[in-house]
C-alpha atoms as a PDB file:
ATOM      1  CA  MET A   1      66.272-194.377  -8.800  1.00  0.00           C
ATOM      2  CA  ARG A   2      64.248-192.351 -11.273  1.00  0.00           C
ATOM      3  CA  VAL A   3      60.811-191.025 -10.340  1.00  0.00           C
ATOM      4  CA  LEU A   4      58.442-189.317 -12.757  1.00  0.00           C
ATOM      5  CA  LEU A   5      55.915-187.063 -11.043  1.00  0.00           C
ATOM      6  CA  VAL A   6      52.693-186.447 -12.953  1.00  0.00           C
ATOM      7  CA  TYR A   7      50.796-183.306 -12.059  1.00  0.00           C
ATOM      8  CA  CYS A   8      47.213-183.853 -13.227  1.00  0.00           C
ATOM      9  CA  ASN A   9      45.849-180.333 -13.268  1.00  0.00           C
ATOM     10  CA  SER A  10      42.837-178.516 -14.671  1.00  0.00           C
ATOM     11  CA  MET A  11      43.483-176.636 -17.903  1.00  0.00           C
ATOM     12  CA  LEU A  12      45.309-173.299 -17.469  1.00  0.00           C
ATOM     13  CA  GLU A  13      45.029-173.355 -13.648  1.00  0.00           C
ATOM     14  CA  ASN A  14      48.658-172.395 -13.325  1.00  0.00           C
ATOM     15  CA  ALA A  15      49.166-171.556  -9.660  1.00  0.00           C
ATOM     16  CA  LEU A  16      52.469-173.142  -8.694  1.00  0.00           C
ATOM     17  CA  PRO A  17      51.521-176.320  -6.765  1.00  0.00           C
ATOM     18  CA  ILE A  18      52.962-176.367  -3.271  1.00  0.00           C
ATOM     19  CA  GLY A  19      52.506-180.101  -2.712  1.00  0.00           C
ATOM     20  CA  VAL A  20      54.287-181.304  -5.845  1.00  0.00           C
ATOM     21  CA  SER A  21      57.001-178.641  -5.526  1.00  0.00           C
ATOM     22  CA  GLN A  22      57.683-179.706  -1.953  1.00  0.00           C
ATOM     23  CA  LEU A  23      57.822-183.342  -3.020  1.00  0.00           C
ATOM     24  CA  VAL A  24      60.366-182.493  -5.733  1.00  0.00           C
ATOM     25  CA  SER A  25      62.706-180.960  -3.167  1.00  0.00           C
ATOM     26  CA  CYS A  26      62.297-183.909  -0.763  1.00  0.00           C
ATOM     27  CA  LEU A  27      63.104-186.426  -3.503  1.00  0.00           C
ATOM     28  CA  LYS A  28      66.163-184.467  -4.611  1.00  0.00           C
ATOM     29  CA  GLU A  29      67.354-184.181  -1.026  1.00  0.00           C
ATOM     30  CA  ALA A  30      67.151-187.990  -0.785  1.00  0.00           C
ATOM     31  CA  GLY A  31      69.331-188.365  -3.903  1.00  0.00           C
ATOM     32  CA  ILE A  32      66.474-189.519  -6.124  1.00  0.00           C
ATOM     33  CA  SER A  33      66.374-188.409  -9.760  1.00  0.00           C
ATOM     34  CA  VAL A  34      63.045-186.723 -10.503  1.00  0.00           C
ATOM     35  CA  ASP A  35      61.287-185.359 -13.574  1.00  0.00           C
ATOM     36  CA  LEU A  36      57.821-183.925 -14.179  1.00  0.00           C
ATOM     37  CA  PHE A  37      54.939-184.321 -16.605  1.00  0.00           C
ATOM     38  CA  ASP A  38      52.392-181.533 -16.277  1.00  0.00           C
ATOM     39  CA  THR A  39      48.949-181.406 -17.937  1.00  0.00           C
ATOM     40  CA  THR A  40      48.177-177.738 -17.186  1.00  0.00           C
ATOM     41  CA  PHE A  41      48.785-176.229 -20.618  1.00  0.00           C
ATOM     42  CA  TYR A  42      47.308-179.009 -22.777  1.00  0.00           C
ATOM     43  CA  ARG A  43      43.854-178.518 -24.267  1.00  0.00           C
ATOM     44  CA  TYR A  44      42.563-181.946 -23.290  1.00  0.00           C
ATOM     45  CA  GLY A  45      38.943-180.817 -22.827  1.00  0.00           C
ATOM     46  CA  ARG A  46      36.493-178.470 -24.507  1.00  0.00           C
ATOM     47  CA  LYS A  47      36.975-175.320 -22.438  1.00  0.00           C
ATOM     48  CA  SER A  48      39.035-174.203 -19.474  1.00  0.00           C
ATOM     49  CA  ALA A  49      37.574-172.450 -16.449  1.00  0.00           C
ATOM     50  CA  THR A  50      39.435-169.308 -17.549  1.00  0.00           C
ATOM     51  CA  GLU A  51      37.622-169.326 -20.898  1.00  0.00           C
ATOM     52  CA  ASN A  52      34.268-169.843 -19.175  1.00  0.00           C
ATOM     53  CA  ARG A  53      34.946-166.890 -16.880  1.00  0.00           C
ATOM     54  CA  ILE A  54      35.842-164.679 -19.827  1.00  0.00           C
ATOM     55  CA  GLU A  55      32.660-165.680 -21.675  1.00  0.00           C
ATOM     56  CA  ALA A  56      30.614-164.963 -18.547  1.00  0.00           C
ATOM     57  CA  LEU A  57      32.196-161.469 -18.433  1.00  0.00           C
ATOM     58  CA  GLN A  58      33.652-162.150 -14.995  1.00  0.00           C
ATOM     59  CA  PHE A  59      36.895-160.537 -16.138  1.00  0.00           C
ATOM     60  CA  PRO A  60      38.349-159.119 -19.377  1.00  0.00           C
ATOM     61  CA  PRO A  61      39.984-161.351 -22.005  1.00  0.00           C
ATOM     62  CA  CYS A  62      43.588-162.353 -21.346  1.00  0.00           C
ATOM     63  CA  PRO A  63      46.166-164.457 -23.212  1.00  0.00           C
ATOM     64  CA  LEU A  64      45.451-168.204 -23.237  1.00  0.00           C
ATOM     65  CA  ASN A  65      48.782-169.988 -23.316  1.00  0.00           C
ATOM     66  CA  PHE A  66      47.909-173.496 -24.437  1.00  0.00           C
ATOM     67  CA  LYS A  67      50.807-175.577 -25.702  1.00  0.00           C
ATOM     68  CA  GLY A  68      50.746-177.615 -28.864  1.00  0.00           C
ATOM     69  CA  GLY A  69      51.075-181.363 -29.131  1.00  0.00           C
ATOM     70  CA  ASN A  70      49.056-184.330 -27.988  1.00  0.00           C
ATOM     71  CA  MET A  71      49.002-184.891 -24.228  1.00  0.00           C
ATOM     72  CA  GLU A  72      48.929-188.690 -24.318  1.00  0.00           C
ATOM     73  CA  GLU A  73      51.657-188.908 -26.958  1.00  0.00           C
ATOM     74  CA  ASP A  74      53.851-186.504 -25.003  1.00  0.00           C
ATOM     75  CA  PHE A  75      53.273-188.513 -21.824  1.00  0.00           C
ATOM     76  CA  ARG A  76      54.419-191.709 -23.512  1.00  0.00           C
ATOM     77  CA  ALA A  77      57.441-189.891 -24.953  1.00  0.00           C
ATOM     78  CA  LYS A  78      58.360-188.613 -21.472  1.00  0.00           C
ATOM     79  CA  ILE A  79      58.259-192.171 -20.112  1.00  0.00           C
ATOM     80  CA  GLU A  80      60.363-193.518 -22.988  1.00  0.00           C
ATOM     81  CA  ASN A  81      62.970-190.771 -22.618  1.00  0.00           C
ATOM     82  CA  PHE A  82      63.207-190.630 -18.816  1.00  0.00           C
ATOM     83  CA  GLN A  83      62.658-194.370 -18.201  1.00  0.00           C
ATOM     84  CA  PRO A  84      61.303-194.025 -14.649  1.00  0.00           C
ATOM     85  CA  HIS A  85      61.264-196.856 -12.151  1.00  0.00           C
ATOM     86  CA  LEU A  86      58.237-195.336 -10.424  1.00  0.00           C
ATOM     87  CA  ILE A  87      55.516-192.870 -11.448  1.00  0.00           C
ATOM     88  CA  GLY A  88      53.916-190.697  -8.787  1.00  0.00           C
ATOM     89  CA  ILE A  89      50.620-189.284 -10.006  1.00  0.00           C
ATOM     90  CA  SER A  90      48.988-186.433  -8.078  1.00  0.00           C
ATOM     91  CA  VAL A  91      45.217-186.045  -8.367  1.00  0.00           C
ATOM     92  CA  VAL A  92      42.300-184.181  -6.877  1.00  0.00           C
ATOM     93  CA  GLU A  93      38.701-185.191  -7.461  1.00  0.00           C
ATOM     94  CA  PRO A  94      38.203-183.189 -10.715  1.00  0.00           C
ATOM     95  CA  THR A  95      41.422-184.622 -12.217  1.00  0.00           C
ATOM     96  CA  PHE A  96      41.247-188.230 -11.021  1.00  0.00           C
ATOM     97  CA  LEU A  97      39.781-189.499 -14.297  1.00  0.00           C
ATOM     98  CA  LEU A  98      42.346-187.470 -16.239  1.00  0.00           C
ATOM     99  CA  GLY A  99      45.085-189.293 -14.345  1.00  0.00           C
ATOM    100  CA  MET A 100      43.552-192.670 -15.123  1.00  0.00           C
ATOM    101  CA  ARG A 101      43.237-191.643 -18.774  1.00  0.00           C
ATOM    102  CA  LEU A 102      46.970-190.888 -18.913  1.00  0.00           C
ATOM    103  CA  LEU A 103      47.871-194.212 -17.323  1.00  0.00           C
ATOM    104  CA  GLU A 104      45.657-196.114 -19.745  1.00  0.00           C
ATOM    105  CA  SER A 105      47.289-194.321 -22.679  1.00  0.00           C
ATOM    106  CA  ALA A 106      50.643-195.702 -21.519  1.00  0.00           C
ATOM    107  CA  ARG A 107      49.460-199.159 -20.416  1.00  0.00           C
ATOM    108  CA  GLU A 108      51.721-201.037 -22.823  1.00  0.00           C
ATOM    109  CA  LEU A 109      54.805-199.071 -21.754  1.00  0.00           C
ATOM    110  CA  LEU A 110      54.058-199.413 -18.054  1.00  0.00           C
ATOM    111  CA  THR A 111      53.437-203.139 -18.292  1.00  0.00           C
ATOM    112  CA  LYS A 112      56.361-203.952 -20.587  1.00  0.00           C
ATOM    113  CA  ASN A 113      58.856-202.042 -18.452  1.00  0.00           C
ATOM    114  CA  ASN A 114      57.354-203.046 -15.079  1.00  0.00           C
ATOM    115  CA  ILE A 115      56.932-199.404 -14.074  1.00  0.00           C
ATOM    116  CA  ARG A 116      55.105-199.061 -10.766  1.00  0.00           C
ATOM    117  CA  VAL A 117      52.551-196.318 -10.133  1.00  0.00           C
ATOM    118  CA  ALA A 118      51.756-194.523  -6.872  1.00  0.00           C
ATOM    119  CA  MET A 119      48.674-192.297  -6.641  1.00  0.00           C
ATOM    120  CA  GLY A 120      48.679-189.395  -4.207  1.00  0.00           C
ATOM    121  CA  GLY A 121      47.067-186.052  -3.493  1.00  0.00           C
ATOM    122  CA  VAL A 122      44.011-185.008  -1.511  1.00  0.00           C
ATOM    123  CA  HIS A 123      41.718-187.276  -3.529  1.00  0.00           C
ATOM    124  CA  ALA A 124      43.877-190.305  -2.760  1.00  0.00           C
ATOM    125  CA  ILE A 125      43.862-189.497   0.964  1.00  0.00           C
ATOM    126  CA  LEU A 126      40.100-188.961   1.204  1.00  0.00           C
ATOM    127  CA  ALA A 127      38.923-191.580  -1.296  1.00  0.00           C
ATOM    128  CA  PRO A 128      41.571-194.307  -1.740  1.00  0.00           C
ATOM    129  CA  GLN A 129      38.860-196.812  -2.639  1.00  0.00           C
ATOM    130  CA  THR A 130      38.478-195.120  -6.035  1.00  0.00           C
ATOM    131  CA  ALA A 131      41.646-196.982  -7.061  1.00  0.00           C
ATOM    132  CA  ASP A 132      39.672-200.247  -6.925  1.00  0.00           C
ATOM    133  CA  GLY A 133      39.588-201.741 -10.407  1.00  0.00           C
ATOM    134  CA  ARG A 134      42.451-199.504 -11.585  1.00  0.00           C
ATOM    135  CA  ASP A 135      45.004-202.248 -12.055  1.00  0.00           C
ATOM    136  CA  LEU A 136      47.788-199.886 -13.146  1.00  0.00           C
ATOM    137  CA  VAL A 137      47.837-198.245  -9.702  1.00  0.00           C
ATOM    138  CA  ASP A 138      50.100-200.186  -7.343  1.00  0.00           C
ATOM    139  CA  TYR A 139      50.221-197.834  -4.328  1.00  0.00           C
ATOM    140  CA  VAL A 140      47.783-195.290  -2.917  1.00  0.00           C
ATOM    141  CA  CYS A 141      49.264-192.694  -0.577  1.00  0.00           C
ATOM    142  CA  ILE A 142      46.827-192.096   2.299  1.00  0.00           C
ATOM    143  CA  SER A 143      49.098-189.643   4.132  1.00  0.00           C
ATOM    144  CA  GLU A 144      51.203-186.593   3.428  1.00  0.00           C
ATOM    145  CA  GLY A 145      53.817-187.571   0.882  1.00  0.00           C
ATOM    146  CA  GLU A 146      56.976-185.730   1.904  1.00  0.00           C
ATOM    147  CA  GLN A 147      58.141-188.563   4.145  1.00  0.00           C
ATOM    148  CA  ALA A 148      55.926-191.485   3.127  1.00  0.00           C
ATOM    149  CA  PHE A 149      56.572-191.276  -0.620  1.00  0.00           C
ATOM    150  CA  VAL A 150      60.306-190.765  -0.193  1.00  0.00           C
ATOM    151  CA  GLU A 151      60.426-193.803   2.108  1.00  0.00           C
ATOM    152  CA  LEU A 152      58.539-195.854  -0.509  1.00  0.00           C
ATOM    153  CA  CYS A 153      61.100-194.856  -3.142  1.00  0.00           C
ATOM    154  CA  LYS A 154      64.032-195.785  -0.909  1.00  0.00           C
ATOM    155  CA  MET A 155      62.568-199.187  -0.064  1.00  0.00           C
ATOM    156  CA  LEU A 156      61.782-199.976  -3.699  1.00  0.00           C
ATOM    157  CA  GLU A 157      65.302-198.940  -4.722  1.00  0.00           C
ATOM    158  CA  LYS A 158      66.750-201.392  -2.201  1.00  0.00           C
ATOM    159  CA  GLY A 159      64.403-204.155  -3.317  1.00  0.00           C
ATOM    160  CA  LYS A 160      62.637-204.345   0.034  1.00  0.00           C
ATOM    161  CA  ASP A 161      59.102-205.596   0.617  1.00  0.00           C
ATOM    162  CA  VAL A 162      56.803-202.558   0.842  1.00  0.00           C
ATOM    163  CA  SER A 163      53.543-204.386   1.512  1.00  0.00           C
ATOM    164  CA  GLY A 164      53.442-203.152   5.123  1.00  0.00           C
ATOM    165  CA  ILE A 165      54.698-199.607   4.613  1.00  0.00           C
ATOM    166  CA  ASN A 166      52.889-196.946   6.640  1.00  0.00           C
ATOM    167  CA  GLY A 167      51.023-194.275   4.707  1.00  0.00           C
ATOM    168  CA  PHE A 168      49.997-196.494   1.798  1.00  0.00           C
ATOM    169  CA  TRP A 169      47.515-198.954   0.497  1.00  0.00           C
ATOM    170  CA  VAL A 170      49.604-201.508  -1.403  1.00  0.00           C
ATOM    171  CA  ARG A 171      48.201-203.764  -4.113  1.00  0.00           C
ATOM    172  CA  ARG A 172      49.195-207.369  -3.495  1.00  0.00           C
ATOM    173  CA  ASN A 173      47.817-210.353  -5.429  1.00  0.00           C
ATOM    174  CA  GLY A 174      44.867-208.297  -6.607  1.00  0.00           C
ATOM    175  CA  THR A 175      43.840-207.016  -3.183  1.00  0.00           C
ATOM    176  CA  TRP A 176      44.843-204.031  -1.070  1.00  0.00           C
ATOM    177  CA  GLU A 177      47.072-204.188   1.989  1.00  0.00           C
ATOM    178  CA  LYS A 178      45.501-201.279   3.897  1.00  0.00           C
ATOM    179  CA  ASN A 179      48.284-200.013   6.133  1.00  0.00           C
ATOM    180  CA  ARG A 180      48.007-197.364   8.840  1.00  0.00           C
ATOM    181  CA  LYS A 181      48.591-193.692   8.131  1.00  0.00           C
ATOM    182  CA  ALA A 182      52.103-192.278   8.393  1.00  0.00           C
ATOM    183  CA  PRO A 183      52.853-189.629  11.043  1.00  0.00           C
ATOM    184  CA  LEU A 184      52.111-186.027  10.154  1.00  0.00           C
ATOM    185  CA  THR A 185      55.003-184.092   8.646  1.00  0.00           C
ATOM    186  CA  ASP A 186      56.976-181.546  10.650  1.00  0.00           C
ATOM    187  CA  ILE A 187      56.719-178.792   8.041  1.00  0.00           C
ATOM    188  CA  ASN A 188      59.526-176.823   9.687  1.00  0.00           C
ATOM    189  CA  LYS A 189      62.025-179.566   8.838  1.00  0.00           C
ATOM    190  CA  LEU A 190      61.201-179.678   5.131  1.00  0.00           C
ATOM    191  CA  PRO A 191      63.692-178.472   2.504  1.00  0.00           C
ATOM    192  CA  LEU A 192      62.931-175.393   0.448  1.00  0.00           C
ATOM    193  CA  MET A 193      60.197-175.940  -2.148  1.00  0.00           C
ATOM    194  CA  ASP A 194      61.609-176.523  -5.627  1.00  0.00           C
ATOM    195  CA  PHE A 195      59.667-174.982  -8.531  1.00  0.00           C
ATOM    196  CA  THR A 196      62.408-175.463 -11.113  1.00  0.00           C
ATOM    197  CA  LEU A 197      60.657-178.253 -13.028  1.00  0.00           C
ATOM    198  CA  PHE A 198      57.671-176.013 -13.797  1.00  0.00           C
ATOM    199  CA  GLY A 199      59.421-173.239 -15.715  1.00  0.00           C
ATOM    200  CA  GLU A 200      58.651-169.634 -16.562  1.00  0.00           C
ATOM    201  CA  SER A 201      55.133-170.193 -17.918  1.00  0.00           C
ATOM    202  CA  TYR A 202      53.897-170.934 -14.401  1.00  0.00           C
ATOM    203  CA  LEU A 203      54.832-167.491 -13.150  1.00  0.00           C
ATOM    204  CA  ASN A 204      52.451-165.684 -15.502  1.00  0.00           C
ATOM    205  CA  LYS A 205      48.958-165.977 -14.043  1.00  0.00           C
ATOM    206  CA  PRO A 206      45.915-164.303 -15.642  1.00  0.00           C
ATOM    207  CA  MET A 207      44.052-161.992 -13.272  1.00  0.00           C
ATOM    208  CA  MET A 208      41.397-159.481 -14.335  1.00  0.00           C
ATOM    209  CA  GLY A 209      42.492-159.435 -17.964  1.00  0.00           C
ATOM    210  CA  ARG A 210      46.215-159.071 -17.312  1.00  0.00           C
ATOM    211  CA  LEU A 211      49.117-161.416 -16.674  1.00  0.00           C
ATOM    212  CA  TYR A 212      50.830-161.117 -13.313  1.00  0.00           C
ATOM    213  CA  ARG A 213      54.024-162.831 -12.185  1.00  0.00           C
ATOM    214  CA  THR A 214      53.110-164.864  -9.119  1.00  0.00           C
ATOM    215  CA  ILE A 215      54.535-167.532  -6.843  1.00  0.00           C
ATOM    216  CA  SER A 216      53.051-169.812  -4.200  1.00  0.00           C
ATOM    217  CA  ILE A 217      54.240-169.982  -0.614  1.00  0.00           C
ATOM    218  CA  GLU A 218      53.206-172.020   2.398  1.00  0.00           C
ATOM    219  CA  THR A 219      52.980-170.232   5.740  1.00  0.00           C
ATOM    220  CA  THR A 220      50.641-172.757   7.369  1.00  0.00           C
ATOM    221  CA  ARG A 221      49.283-176.206   6.582  1.00  0.00           C
ATOM    222  CA  GLY A 222      45.656-176.806   7.403  1.00  0.00           C
ATOM    223  CA  CYS A 223      43.187-174.202   8.585  1.00  0.00           C
ATOM    224  CA  PRO A 224      42.130-173.026  12.053  1.00  0.00           C
ATOM    225  CA  TYR A 225      38.461-172.930  11.012  1.00  0.00           C
ATOM    226  CA  HIS A 226      35.965-175.771  10.694  1.00  0.00           C
ATOM    227  CA  CYS A 227      33.876-175.147   7.554  1.00  0.00           C
ATOM    228  CA  SER A 228      32.085-178.423   6.849  1.00  0.00           C
ATOM    229  CA  TYR A 229      31.978-177.850   3.076  1.00  0.00           C
ATOM    230  CA  CYS A 230      35.785-177.693   2.841  1.00  0.00           C
ATOM    231  CA  GLY A 231      38.115-180.643   2.274  1.00  0.00           C
ATOM    232  CA  ASP A 232      40.328-179.388   5.071  1.00  0.00           C
ATOM    233  CA  TYR A 233      37.543-180.177   7.557  1.00  0.00           C
ATOM    234  CA  SER A 234      37.566-183.819   6.412  1.00  0.00           C
ATOM    235  CA  LEU A 235      41.354-183.998   6.574  1.00  0.00           C
ATOM    236  CA  LYS A 236      41.308-182.586  10.087  1.00  0.00           C
ATOM    237  CA  LYS A 237      38.910-185.324  11.216  1.00  0.00           C
ATOM    238  CA  LEU A 238      40.801-188.036   9.341  1.00  0.00           C
ATOM    239  CA  PHE A 239      44.121-187.205  11.033  1.00  0.00           C
ATOM    240  CA  LYS A 240      42.662-186.364  14.429  1.00  0.00           C
ATOM    241  CA  GLY A 241      44.604-189.093  16.194  1.00  0.00           C
ATOM    242  CA  GLU A 242      47.910-188.164  14.529  1.00  0.00           C
ATOM    243  CA  GLY A 243      48.402-184.699  16.047  1.00  0.00           C
ATOM    244  CA  SER A 244      47.398-181.209  14.990  1.00  0.00           C
ATOM    245  CA  TRP A 245      46.476-180.960  11.297  1.00  0.00           C
ATOM    246  CA  TYR A 246      46.839-177.169  11.496  1.00  0.00           C
ATOM    247  CA  ARG A 247      50.555-176.310  11.579  1.00  0.00           C
ATOM    248  CA  LYS A 248      52.524-173.087  11.151  1.00  0.00           C
ATOM    249  CA  LYS A 249      55.904-172.358   9.627  1.00  0.00           C
ATOM    250  CA  GLU A 250      58.380-171.031  12.165  1.00  0.00           C
ATOM    251  CA  ASN A 251      60.047-167.607  11.990  1.00  0.00           C
ATOM    252  CA  GLN A 252      62.906-166.890   9.580  1.00  0.00           C
ATOM    253  CA  LYS A 253      61.963-169.827   7.347  1.00  0.00           C
ATOM    254  CA  ASN A 254      62.878-169.842   3.675  1.00  0.00           C
ATOM    255  CA  LEU A 255      59.538-170.244   1.966  1.00  0.00           C
ATOM    256  CA  CYS A 256      59.952-170.364  -1.788  1.00  0.00           C
ATOM    257  CA  LEU A 257      61.995-170.499  -4.954  1.00  0.00           C
ATOM    258  CA  PHE A 258      61.310-168.364  -7.976  1.00  0.00           C
ATOM    259  CA  PHE A 259      62.735-167.712 -11.420  1.00  0.00           C
ATOM    260  CA  GLU A 260      64.380-164.543 -12.644  1.00  0.00           C
ATOM    261  CA  GLY A 261      65.733-164.167 -16.153  1.00  0.00           C
ATOM    262  CA  GLY A 262      65.472-167.906 -16.707  1.00  0.00           C
ATOM    263  CA  PHE A 263      67.656-168.749 -13.697  1.00  0.00           C
ATOM    264  CA  MET A 264      66.577-170.069 -10.336  1.00  0.00           C
ATOM    265  CA  VAL A 265      67.100-167.621  -7.534  1.00  0.00           C
ATOM    266  CA  GLN A 266      66.577-168.411  -3.870  1.00  0.00           C
ATOM    267  CA  GLU A 267      64.487-165.724  -2.239  1.00  0.00           C
ATOM    268  CA  LYS A 268      64.511-165.665   1.532  1.00  0.00           C
ATOM    269  CA  VAL A 269      61.159-164.451   2.722  1.00  0.00           C
ATOM    270  CA  HIS A 270      61.187-164.113   6.491  1.00  0.00           C
ATOM    271  CA  ALA A 271      57.875-164.696   8.213  1.00  0.00           C
ATOM    272  CA  LYS A 272      58.512-162.420  11.145  1.00  0.00           C
ATOM    273  CA  ASN A 273      56.442-162.824  14.260  1.00  0.00           C
ATOM    274  CA  ARG A 274      54.101-159.950  13.464  1.00  0.00           C
ATOM    275  CA  GLY A 275      50.739-161.605  13.121  1.00  0.00           C
ATOM    276  CA  GLY A 276      51.385-164.716  11.020  1.00  0.00           C
ATOM    277  CA  THR A 277      50.390-164.413   7.355  1.00  0.00           C
ATOM    278  CA  GLU A 278      49.339-160.788   7.752  1.00  0.00           C
ATOM    279  CA  GLY A 279      52.767-159.987   9.134  1.00  0.00           C
ATOM    280  CA  LEU A 280      54.400-161.741   6.188  1.00  0.00           C
ATOM    281  CA  TYR A 281      52.302-159.702   3.778  1.00  0.00           C
ATOM    282  CA  LYS A 282      53.454-156.493   5.473  1.00  0.00           C
ATOM    283  CA  ASP A 283      57.069-157.658   5.289  1.00  0.00           C
ATOM    284  CA  ILE A 284      56.790-158.313   1.546  1.00  0.00           C
ATOM    285  CA  GLN A 285      55.100-154.963   0.952  1.00  0.00           C
ATOM    286  CA  SER A 286      57.908-153.156   2.771  1.00  0.00           C
END
């Protein structure tokens, strides 16, 4: 089975995404062929947040690495070349409409080739009803995707009925089958995050007028605090009956992949039991 992941991201916000990278590794582990379409470096709007910050003198000018080409045309070309059976589109609230714009640009391709679409991400979990009236969206993931999305792919590959699958709203005859949430993920059983589909450009992040090589790691999922303005507070309430939303990675856990000289290198970063994230920071510094 071939799955095309679509990372709908704000312009030039190039922190390596933990969620999508983790999903890539889970799909590969399950023997599923996966590719990526990423919107980060397309100029699809007037100005990026980075440009606004520079104009507001919040930090000095830095290189703006937009890529050429037309985003919608490139998206259609990716579909034609990869020929996915399923598209998984990841959105947050500011990029939800961008995701729908991409799907609409490929409506003819999706319809002609019977390509199914699953929408996921924090926005999908907190506001699945926004998929109402979006007839190109077939599945809305209302849970963490590492297990639920992989299970959806496996069932579709085998031709099974997915209308009752946990963790999803499933469109059926024009209405939604609103299934229960899937269990929370044991983050200590997940495979190593896979950043290889993002490439070198994602490592160079502008900070204070310079480019720094950065990676993303996950030491915990959720937050121990309860700030009502934060999405994590809503997620904590939403999954209250499913176990603890706040989870920690265990000791001696491989946390990340990074690139060096164009080749993927596995870097073992050991989160020693010396004060959680602070201890990890001290380990890296030493």
